[in-house]
Amino acid sequence: MFTLSVVATKGGVGKTTIAAHLAGLFRDIGLRVLLIDADVQPSLSKFFVIDHVAPRGLTDMITRGYLEEDCISTVQLPPAGFSGSAARIETTGHIDIVMSDTTDGRLQDWMFQHPDYIVRIRMAIKSLMASSYDIVIIDTQGAVGHLQDAAVVASDTVVAPASPDIISAREFLAGTNRLLERIQSAANLGLHVPPVKALLNRFENTNDSRLMTGLIRDQMPNMAGHVYLMETEVPSAVAFRKAATARVPVHWIDPHRCGDVMHRLMWELLPSLDGRYAPNHRNHSHVPGAVDAAQAQKD
């Protein structure tokens, strides 16, 4: 099982979007995906249509320290009424989600009062129920805090999206340094510290966007070797807005440009998946043993 958290020190940089679209792609290549919405503003819980809503969610998972079925909701893909060709994708993968239920702040208060808060998510996803999944993706709040700390410590890799505009770039650099200080505190306690991978999101082919990208790149050596800038850049594209409206992964809307980007991102995060394609990708039939996408749509 591989655990990935998507973090940011401010909202609006696209972390929920990245988490959702990666989950959809992992699902389509046949992996069992568990999403954990650890954001006090539960955007991820609202991205997909939920087929089965569990009676409990994030609060019980963390306070118990283990994961049970009553905390796991089920994502419906394709959603009812979606008529795109990708709705005929055949896959053995699926997406479940632990929904956020902490908008009132009580969970954060509970974590503040429990010194072991930082390992609570890690304890939960190492439990028996979590062994049913290949990938765990944790979406975090857009601010440093106990929930973000617990998500980072539970992860094998941390993805930190950054938008290449002047305000977001400056906040990314300052916020990432604050995140590194908190990570170092966890390392001093002997806890696992995952690598942080900066991802340029909503990149545009403009001078301003390239200038801000250069600013972020130039600061990487000052991150003490703890932060790495990913080669993949996620563009600003209408397909992402259309996907959010339809509540489906972006490679269902645009299997070419955006689909290619999401595949490259997946492979860069998990090189062992290099060469694996979603069934609606033009190269899917080139994978030995893969079901032809056109045939899958006819069945």
Foldseek 3Di string as FASTA:
>chain_A
DAEEEEAAAAPDLCSLLLLAQLLQFCQLLAFAEEEEEAALPFPNVVQFDWPADAPAADLCQQVVLADDPSQKTFGDPPDPPDDFLCSLRDYNYGYIYRTDDCNVPPSQVVLVVDPCSLQSVLSHCVDPVVVVGDYYYYYHYNRDGSSVSNSQLNHQEYEYEFEQADVRLVSRVVRVLVVVVSLVVCVVVVGDGHAYEYEHEQQDPDPSSVVSVVVNVVCVVVSVPRYHYDPQHHHNDVLSVVCSVSSHRSCSSPVPPRVVSSLVVVCSVPVVCPPRGRQPHPCNVVDPPGDHSVVSSVD
